[in-house]
PDB file of N, CA and C in Angstrom:
ATOM      1  N   MET A   1     135.878 -31.603-196.453  1.00  0.00           N
ATOM      2  CA  MET A   1     136.617 -30.463-195.965  1.00  0.00           C
ATOM      3  C   MET A   1     138.057 -30.529-196.442  1.00  0.00           C
ATOM      4  N   PHE A   2     138.636 -29.403-196.616  1.00  0.00           N
ATOM      5  CA  PHE A   2     140.030 -29.330-196.998  1.00  0.00           C
ATOM      6  C   PHE A   2     140.860 -29.023-195.767  1.00  0.00           C
ATOM      7  N   ARG A   3     141.572 -29.971-195.329  1.00  0.00           N
ATOM      8  CA  ARG A   3     142.523 -29.753-194.242  1.00  0.00           C
ATOM      9  C   ARG A   3     143.804 -30.459-194.645  1.00  0.00           C
ATOM     10  N   THR A   4     144.892 -29.956-194.165  1.00  0.00           N
ATOM     11  CA  THR A   4     146.187 -30.509-194.531  1.00  0.00           C
ATOM     12  C   THR A   4     146.249 -32.002-194.279  1.00  0.00           C
ATOM     13  N   TYR A   5     145.705 -32.458-193.153  1.00  0.00           N
ATOM     14  CA  TYR A   5     145.822 -33.870-192.804  1.00  0.00           C
ATOM     15  C   TYR A   5     144.844 -34.754-193.585  1.00  0.00           C
ATOM     16  N   ASP A   6     143.884 -34.165-194.306  1.00  0.00           N
ATOM     17  CA  ASP A   6     142.962 -34.953-195.123  1.00  0.00           C
ATOM     18  C   ASP A   6     143.608 -35.429-196.420  1.00  0.00           C
ATOM     19  N   ASN A   7     144.767 -34.875-196.746  1.00  0.00           N
ATOM     20  CA  ASN A   7     145.482 -35.214-197.969  1.00  0.00           C
ATOM     21  C   ASN A   7     144.560 -35.118-199.183  1.00  0.00           C
ATOM     22  N   PRO A   8     144.091 -33.890-199.512  1.00  0.00           N
ATOM     23  CA  PRO A   8     143.176 -33.741-200.638  1.00  0.00           C
ATOM     24  C   PRO A   8     143.819 -34.208-201.937  1.00  0.00           C
ATOM     25  N   HIS A   9     142.989 -34.674-202.810  1.00  0.00           N
ATOM     26  CA  HIS A   9     143.433 -35.162-204.107  1.00  0.00           C
ATOM     27  C   HIS A   9     143.791 -33.978-205.003  1.00  0.00           C
ATOM     28  N   ILE A  10     144.927 -34.046-205.643  1.00  0.00           N
ATOM     29  CA  ILE A  10     145.352 -33.009-206.582  1.00  0.00           C
ATOM     30  C   ILE A  10     145.146 -33.550-207.994  1.00  0.00           C
ATOM     31  N   SER A  11     144.180 -32.964-208.713  1.00  0.00           N
ATOM     32  CA  SER A  11     143.918 -33.454-210.055  1.00  0.00           C
ATOM     33  C   SER A  11     144.243 -32.420-211.126  1.00  0.00           C
ATOM     34  N   LEU A  12     144.495 -31.197-210.700  1.00  0.00           N
ATOM     35  CA  LEU A  12     144.812 -30.128-211.643  1.00  0.00           C
ATOM     36  C   LEU A  12     146.024 -29.350-211.170  1.00  0.00           C
ATOM     37  N   ILE A  13     146.794 -28.896-212.130  1.00  0.00           N
ATOM     38  CA  ILE A  13     147.858 -27.934-211.850  1.00  0.00           C
ATOM     39  C   ILE A  13     147.698 -26.838-212.891  1.00  0.00           C
ATOM     40  N   ILE A  14     147.456 -25.618-212.409  1.00  0.00           N
ATOM     41  CA  ILE A  14     147.249 -24.476-213.291  1.00  0.00           C
ATOM     42  C   ILE A  14     148.274 -23.416-212.931  1.00  0.00           C
ATOM     43  N   ASN A  15     149.019 -22.962-213.928  1.00  0.00           N
ATOM     44  CA  ASN A  15     150.055 -21.953-213.703  1.00  0.00           C
ATOM     45  C   ASN A  15     151.003 -22.353-212.581  1.00  0.00           C
ATOM     46  N   GLY A  16     151.285 -23.647-212.487  1.00  0.00           N
ATOM     47  CA  GLY A  16     152.212 -24.144-211.483  1.00  0.00           C
ATOM     48  C   GLY A  16     151.618 -24.275-210.090  1.00  0.00           C
ATOM     49  N   ILE A  17     150.320 -24.053-209.955  1.00  0.00           N
ATOM     50  CA  ILE A  17     149.661 -24.142-208.648  1.00  0.00           C
ATOM     51  C   ILE A  17     148.771 -25.377-208.626  1.00  0.00           C
ATOM     52  N   ALA A  18     148.977 -26.230-207.619  1.00  0.00           N
ATOM     53  CA  ALA A  18     148.175 -27.441-207.469  1.00  0.00           C
ATOM     54  C   ALA A  18     146.790 -27.052-206.969  1.00  0.00           C
ATOM     55  N   ILE A  19     145.764 -27.579-207.626  1.00  0.00           N
ATOM     56  CA  ILE A  19     144.382 -27.306-207.265  1.00  0.00           C
ATOM     57  C   ILE A  19     143.832 -28.540-206.553  1.00  0.00           C
ATOM     58  N   ALA A  20     143.580 -28.405-205.265  1.00  0.00           N
ATOM     59  CA  ALA A  20     143.096 -29.532-204.469  1.00  0.00           C
ATOM     60  C   ALA A  20     141.626 -29.796-204.758  1.00  0.00           C
ATOM     61  N   GLN A  21     141.269 -31.065-204.609  1.00  0.00           N
ATOM     62  CA  GLN A  21     139.890 -31.494-204.812  1.00  0.00           C
ATOM     63  C   GLN A  21     139.497 -32.353-203.623  1.00  0.00           C
ATOM     64  N   ASP A  22     138.297 -32.123-203.065  1.00  0.00           N
ATOM     65  CA  ASP A  22     137.878 -32.913-201.909  1.00  0.00           C
ATOM     66  C   ASP A  22     137.224 -34.220-202.343  1.00  0.00           C
ATOM     67  N   SER A  23     136.794 -35.011-201.370  1.00  0.00           N
ATOM     68  CA  SER A  23     136.226 -36.329-201.667  1.00  0.00           C
ATOM     69  C   SER A  23     134.894 -36.235-202.417  1.00  0.00           C
ATOM     70  N   ALA A  24     134.238 -35.064-202.391  1.00  0.00           N
ATOM     71  CA  ALA A  24     132.985 -34.867-203.126  1.00  0.00           C
ATOM     72  C   ALA A  24     133.233 -34.379-204.548  1.00  0.00           C
ATOM     73  N   GLY A  25     134.502 -34.149-204.909  1.00  0.00           N
ATOM     74  CA  GLY A  25     134.840 -33.696-206.247  1.00  0.00           C
ATOM     75  C   GLY A  25     134.871 -32.189-206.413  1.00  0.00           C
ATOM     76  N   ARG A  26     134.717 -31.457-205.314  1.00  0.00           N
ATOM     77  CA  ARG A  26     134.741 -30.004-205.382  1.00  0.00           C
ATOM     78  C   ARG A  26     136.190 -29.521-205.376  1.00  0.00           C
ATOM     79  N   TYR A  27     136.443 -28.434-206.119  1.00  0.00           N
ATOM     80  CA  TYR A  27     137.779 -27.854-206.177  1.00  0.00           C
ATOM     81  C   TYR A  27     137.913 -26.747-205.148  1.00  0.00           C
ATOM     82  N   ARG A  28     139.097 -26.607-204.596  1.00  0.00           N
ATOM     83  CA  ARG A  28     139.364 -25.559-203.605  1.00  0.00           C
ATOM     84  C   ARG A  28     139.447 -24.224-204.322  1.00  0.00           C
ATOM     85  N   ILE A  29     138.495 -23.351-204.028  1.00  0.00           N
ATOM     86  CA  ILE A  29     138.394 -22.077-204.733  1.00  0.00           C
ATOM     87  C   ILE A  29     139.581 -21.164-204.434  1.00  0.00           C
ATOM     88  N   THR A  30     140.149 -21.280-203.261  1.00  0.00           N
ATOM     89  CA  THR A  30     141.319 -20.457-202.939  1.00  0.00           C
ATOM     90  C   THR A  30     142.486 -20.814-203.860  1.00  0.00           C
ATOM     91  N   ASP A  31     142.662 -22.104-204.140  1.00  0.00           N
ATOM     92  CA  ASP A  31     143.709 -22.526-205.074  1.00  0.00           C
ATOM     93  C   ASP A  31     143.427 -21.972-206.471  1.00  0.00           C
ATOM     94  N   LEU A  32     142.163 -22.043-206.896  1.00  0.00           N
ATOM     95  CA  LEU A  32     141.801 -21.520-208.219  1.00  0.00           C
ATOM     96  C   LEU A  32     142.031 -20.013-208.289  1.00  0.00           C
ATOM     97  N   HIS A  33     141.707 -19.315-207.218  1.00  0.00           N
ATOM     98  CA  HIS A  33     141.932 -17.870-207.166  1.00  0.00           C
ATOM     99  C   HIS A  33     143.418 -17.554-207.295  1.00  0.00           C
ATOM    100  N   ASN A  34     144.235 -18.273-206.564  1.00  0.00           N
ATOM    101  CA  ASN A  34     145.683 -18.045-206.633  1.00  0.00           C
ATOM    102  C   ASN A  34     146.226 -18.356-208.027  1.00  0.00           C
ATOM    103  N   ALA A  35     145.721 -19.408-208.657  1.00  0.00           N
ATOM    104  CA  ALA A  35     146.188 -19.785-209.989  1.00  0.00           C
ATOM    105  C   ALA A  35     145.792 -18.747-211.036  1.00  0.00           C
ATOM    106  N   SER A  36     144.693 -18.033-210.782  1.00  0.00           N
ATOM    107  CA  SER A  36     144.229 -17.030-211.750  1.00  0.00           C
ATOM    108  C   SER A  36     144.916 -15.681-211.581  1.00  0.00           C
ATOM    109  N   GLY A  37     145.803 -15.583-210.613  1.00  0.00           N
ATOM    110  CA  GLY A  37     146.544 -14.341-210.414  1.00  0.00           C
ATOM    111  C   GLY A  37     146.351 -13.734-209.047  1.00  0.00           C
ATOM    112  N   GLY A  38     145.328 -14.167-208.335  1.00  0.00           N
ATOM    113  CA  GLY A  38     145.124 -13.738-206.957  1.00  0.00           C
ATOM    114  C   GLY A  38     144.728 -12.285-206.767  1.00  0.00           C
ATOM    115  N   GLU A  39     144.126 -11.672-207.795  1.00  0.00           N
ATOM    116  CA  GLU A  39     143.730 -10.269-207.645  1.00  0.00           C
ATOM    117  C   GLU A  39     142.640 -10.123-206.592  1.00  0.00           C
ATOM    118  N   ARG A  40     142.743  -9.058-205.828  1.00  0.00           N
ATOM    119  CA  ARG A  40     141.782  -8.808-204.748  1.00  0.00           C
ATOM    120  C   ARG A  40     140.347  -8.720-205.281  1.00  0.00           C
ATOM    121  N   ARG A  41     140.156  -8.143-206.448  1.00  0.00           N
ATOM    122  CA  ARG A  41     138.805  -7.965-206.990  1.00  0.00           C
ATOM    123  C   ARG A  41     138.161  -9.292-207.391  1.00  0.00           C
ATOM    124  N   HIS A  42     138.946 -10.363-207.415  1.00  0.00           N
ATOM    125  CA  HIS A  42     138.416 -11.684-207.748  1.00  0.00           C
ATOM    126  C   HIS A  42     138.438 -12.634-206.561  1.00  0.00           C
ATOM    127  N   GLU A  43     138.518 -12.107-205.364  1.00  0.00           N
ATOM    128  CA  GLU A  43     138.599 -12.967-204.177  1.00  0.00           C
ATOM    129  C   GLU A  43     137.352 -13.834-204.035  1.00  0.00           C
ATOM    130  N   PRO A  44     137.530 -15.051-203.501  1.00  0.00           N
ATOM    131  CA  PRO A  44     136.407 -15.981-203.371  1.00  0.00           C
ATOM    132  C   PRO A  44     135.208 -15.431-202.614  1.00  0.00           C
ATOM    133  N   ASN A  45     135.429 -14.620-201.572  1.00  0.00           N
ATOM    134  CA  ASN A  45     134.284 -14.111-200.822  1.00  0.00           C
ATOM    135  C   ASN A  45     133.419 -13.191-201.665  1.00  0.00           C
ATOM    136  N   LEU A  46     134.000 -12.478-202.613  1.00  0.00           N
ATOM    137  CA  LEU A  46     133.215 -11.634-203.510  1.00  0.00           C
ATOM    138  C   LEU A  46     132.403 -12.497-204.467  1.00  0.00           C
ATOM    139  N   TRP A  47     132.998 -13.590-204.920  1.00  0.00           N
ATOM    140  CA  TRP A  47     132.323 -14.500-205.841  1.00  0.00           C
ATOM    141  C   TRP A  47     131.145 -15.189-205.163  1.00  0.00           C
ATOM    142  N   ILE A  48     131.359 -15.721-203.969  1.00  0.00           N
ATOM    143  CA  ILE A  48     130.320 -16.497-203.294  1.00  0.00           C
ATOM    144  C   ILE A  48     129.134 -15.622-202.890  1.00  0.00           C
ATOM    145  N   ASN A  49     129.333 -14.334-202.691  1.00  0.00           N
ATOM    146  CA  ASN A  49     128.254 -13.436-202.294  1.00  0.00           C
ATOM    147  C   ASN A  49     127.520 -12.806-203.479  1.00  0.00           C
ATOM    148  N   ASN A  50     127.968 -13.103-204.679  1.00  0.00           N
ATOM    149  CA  ASN A  50     127.347 -12.586-205.887  1.00  0.00           C
ATOM    150  C   ASN A  50     126.002 -13.279-206.122  1.00  0.00           C
ATOM    151  N   ASN A  51     124.965 -12.514-206.454  1.00  0.00           N
ATOM    152  CA  ASN A  51     123.638 -13.097-206.670  1.00  0.00           C
ATOM    153  C   ASN A  51     123.619 -14.125-207.798  1.00  0.00           C
ATOM    154  N   ARG A  52     124.378 -13.893-208.853  1.00  0.00           N
ATOM    155  CA  ARG A  52     124.429 -14.865-209.962  1.00  0.00           C
ATOM    156  C   ARG A  52     125.061 -16.167-209.508  1.00  0.00           C
ATOM    157  N   THR A  53     126.058 -16.078-208.639  1.00  0.00           N
ATOM    158  CA  THR A  53     126.688 -17.281-208.088  1.00  0.00           C
ATOM    159  C   THR A  53     125.684 -18.061-207.258  1.00  0.00           C
ATOM    160  N   LYS A  54     124.915 -17.367-206.434  1.00  0.00           N
ATOM    161  CA  LYS A  54     123.906 -18.024-205.604  1.00  0.00           C
ATOM    162  C   LYS A  54     122.870 -18.739-206.472  1.00  0.00           C
ATOM    163  N   GLU A  55     122.472 -18.105-207.570  1.00  0.00           N
ATOM    164  CA  GLU A  55     121.537 -18.735-208.499  1.00  0.00           C
ATOM    165  C   GLU A  55     122.143 -19.983-209.136  1.00  0.00           C
ATOM    166  N   LEU A  56     123.406 -19.900-209.502  1.00  0.00           N
ATOM    167  CA  LEU A  56     124.097 -21.047-210.086  1.00  0.00           C
ATOM    168  C   LEU A  56     124.153 -22.211-209.110  1.00  0.00           C
ATOM    169  N   ILE A  57     124.477 -21.936-207.869  1.00  0.00           N
ATOM    170  CA  ILE A  57     124.560 -22.980-206.849  1.00  0.00           C
ATOM    171  C   ILE A  57     123.202 -23.665-206.676  1.00  0.00           C
ATOM    172  N   GLU A  58     122.131 -22.878-206.617  1.00  0.00           N
ATOM    173  CA  GLU A  58     120.792 -23.456-206.483  1.00  0.00           C
ATOM    174  C   GLU A  58     120.434 -24.301-207.700  1.00  0.00           C
ATOM    175  N   SER A  59     120.819 -23.844-208.877  1.00  0.00           N
ATOM    176  CA  SER A  59     120.553 -24.595-210.102  1.00  0.00           C
ATOM    177  C   SER A  59     121.302 -25.935-210.098  1.00  0.00           C
ATOM    178  N   ILE A  60     122.535 -25.928-209.647  1.00  0.00           N
ATOM    179  CA  ILE A  60     123.321 -27.173-209.559  1.00  0.00           C
ATOM    180  C   ILE A  60     122.672 -28.125-208.577  1.00  0.00           C
ATOM    181  N   LYS A  61     122.223 -27.628-207.438  1.00  0.00           N
ATOM    182  CA  LYS A  61     121.554 -28.472-206.444  1.00  0.00           C
ATOM    183  C   LYS A  61     120.304 -29.112-207.028  1.00  0.00           C
ATOM    184  N   LYS A  62     119.469 -28.309-207.709  1.00  0.00           N
ATOM    185  CA  LYS A  62     118.230 -28.822-208.287  1.00  0.00           C
ATOM    186  C   LYS A  62     118.517 -29.847-209.369  1.00  0.00           C
ATOM    187  N   SER A  63     119.501 -29.577-210.198  1.00  0.00           N
ATOM    188  CA  SER A  63     119.868 -30.509-211.260  1.00  0.00           C
ATOM    189  C   SER A  63     120.343 -31.830-210.679  1.00  0.00           C
ATOM    190  N   HIS A  64     121.147 -31.765-209.646  1.00  0.00           N
ATOM    191  CA  HIS A  64     121.659 -32.978-209.009  1.00  0.00           C
ATOM    192  C   HIS A  64     120.511 -33.771-208.396  1.00  0.00           C
ATOM    193  N   TYR A  65     119.571 -33.077-207.762  1.00  0.00           N
ATOM    194  CA  TYR A  65     118.421 -33.746-207.140  1.00  0.00           C
ATOM    195  C   TYR A  65     117.573 -34.453-208.204  1.00  0.00           C
ATOM    196  N   ARG A  66     117.309 -33.774-209.336  1.00  0.00           N
ATOM    197  CA  ARG A  66     116.512 -34.362-210.413  1.00  0.00           C
ATOM    198  C   ARG A  66     117.190 -35.586-211.021  1.00  0.00           C
ATOM    199  N   ASN A  67     118.526 -35.564-211.064  1.00  0.00           N
ATOM    200  CA  ASN A  67     119.267 -36.646-211.709  1.00  0.00           C
ATOM    201  C   ASN A  67     119.686 -37.754-210.759  1.00  0.00           C
ATOM    202  N   SER A  68     119.404 -37.605-209.470  1.00  0.00           N
ATOM    203  CA  SER A  68     119.808 -38.641-208.514  1.00  0.00           C
ATOM    204  C   SER A  68     118.923 -39.867-208.696  1.00  0.00           C
ATOM    205  N   CYS A  69     119.498 -41.026-208.437  1.00  0.00           N
ATOM    206  CA  CYS A  69     118.803 -42.289-208.648  1.00  0.00           C
ATOM    207  C   CYS A  69     117.922 -42.674-207.476  1.00  0.00           C
ATOM    208  N   SER A  70     118.156 -42.096-206.320  1.00  0.00           N
ATOM    209  CA  SER A  70     117.462 -42.528-205.119  1.00  0.00           C
ATOM    210  C   SER A  70     117.097 -41.340-204.244  1.00  0.00           C
ATOM    211  N   ASP A  71     115.954 -41.457-203.587  1.00  0.00           N
ATOM    212  CA  ASP A  71     115.564 -40.418-202.638  1.00  0.00           C
ATOM    213  C   ASP A  71     116.378 -40.501-201.359  1.00  0.00           C
ATOM    214  N   ASP A  72     117.124 -41.593-201.188  1.00  0.00           N
ATOM    215  CA  ASP A  72     117.898 -41.804-199.970  1.00  0.00           C
ATOM    216  C   ASP A  72     119.265 -41.124-200.016  1.00  0.00           C
ATOM    217  N   THR A  73     119.613 -40.507-201.139  1.00  0.00           N
ATOM    218  CA  THR A  73     120.928 -39.889-201.251  1.00  0.00           C
ATOM    219  C   THR A  73     121.012 -38.662-200.351  1.00  0.00           C
ATOM    220  N   ALA A  74     122.176 -38.436-199.809  1.00  0.00           N
ATOM    221  CA  ALA A  74     122.403 -37.264-198.959  1.00  0.00           C
ATOM    222  C   ALA A  74     122.308 -36.018-199.824  1.00  0.00           C
ATOM    223  N   PRO A  75     121.857 -34.907-199.263  1.00  0.00           N
ATOM    224  CA  PRO A  75     121.781 -33.675-200.046  1.00  0.00           C
ATOM    225  C   PRO A  75     123.152 -33.300-200.599  1.00  0.00           C
ATOM    226  N   PHE A  76     123.184 -32.938-201.853  1.00  0.00           N
ATOM    227  CA  PHE A  76     124.430 -32.555-202.511  1.00  0.00           C
ATOM    228  C   PHE A  76     124.670 -31.072-202.277  1.00  0.00           C
ATOM    229  N   GLU A  77     125.830 -30.749-201.776  1.00  0.00           N
ATOM    230  CA  GLU A  77     126.224 -29.357-201.560  1.00  0.00           C
ATOM    231  C   GLU A  77     127.379 -29.037-202.505  1.00  0.00           C
ATOM    232  N   PRO A  78     127.099 -28.291-203.590  1.00  0.00           N
ATOM    233  CA  PRO A  78     128.165 -27.960-204.544  1.00  0.00           C
ATOM    234  C   PRO A  78     129.225 -27.046-203.962  1.00  0.00           C
ATOM    235  N   VAL A  79     128.880 -26.321-202.892  1.00  0.00           N
ATOM    236  CA  VAL A  79     129.828 -25.412-202.251  1.00  0.00           C
ATOM    237  C   VAL A  79     129.840 -25.698-200.755  1.00  0.00           C
ATOM    238  N   ASN A  80     131.023 -25.838-200.219  1.00  0.00           N
ATOM    239  CA  ASN A  80     131.207 -26.003-198.782  1.00  0.00           C
ATOM    240  C   ASN A  80     132.128 -24.884-198.327  1.00  0.00           C
ATOM    241  N   THR A  81     131.577 -23.919-197.604  1.00  0.00           N
ATOM    242  CA  THR A  81     132.350 -22.742-197.211  1.00  0.00           C
ATOM    243  C   THR A  81     132.998 -22.984-195.856  1.00  0.00           C
ATOM    244  N   ILE A  82     134.309 -22.775-195.813  1.00  0.00           N
ATOM    245  CA  ILE A  82     135.067 -22.885-194.567  1.00  0.00           C
ATOM    246  C   ILE A  82     135.760 -21.540-194.387  1.00  0.00           C
ATOM    247  N   ASN A  83     135.265 -20.751-193.474  1.00  0.00           N
ATOM    248  CA  ASN A  83     135.870 -19.462-193.205  1.00  0.00           C
ATOM    249  C   ASN A  83     137.091 -19.651-192.313  1.00  0.00           C
ATOM    250  N   GLY A  84     138.215 -19.157-192.790  1.00  0.00           N
ATOM    251  CA  GLY A  84     139.432 -19.261-192.004  1.00  0.00           C
ATOM    252  C   GLY A  84     140.010 -20.670-191.968  1.00  0.00           C
ATOM    253  N   GLY A  85     139.615 -21.500-192.939  1.00  0.00           N
ATOM    254  CA  GLY A  85     140.107 -22.870-192.980  1.00  0.00           C
ATOM    255  C   GLY A  85     141.525 -22.939-193.506  1.00  0.00           C
ATOM    256  N   ASP A  86     142.066 -24.146-193.471  1.00  0.00           N
ATOM    257  CA  ASP A  86     143.430 -24.368-193.977  1.00  0.00           C
ATOM    258  C   ASP A  86     143.449 -24.258-195.476  1.00  0.00           C
TER     259      ASP A  86
END
């Protein structure tokens, strides 16, 4: 989760905007949206509800499952949605 007190890792800076990354290696989409110009038509909620995005997420999950070394690994979630989060 991305919360101020979690001190997310900053590994990218795009257009002067720091892009936070969580402990699972996921990038904060709100930061990416702001770095790309922050246009309303590109808001994260529009992206996440897109059918092609949903297909991509499922494909990433399946690929990760096929490539995992152990059946004991926790399910990989490429997207963690926090509505109204920090």
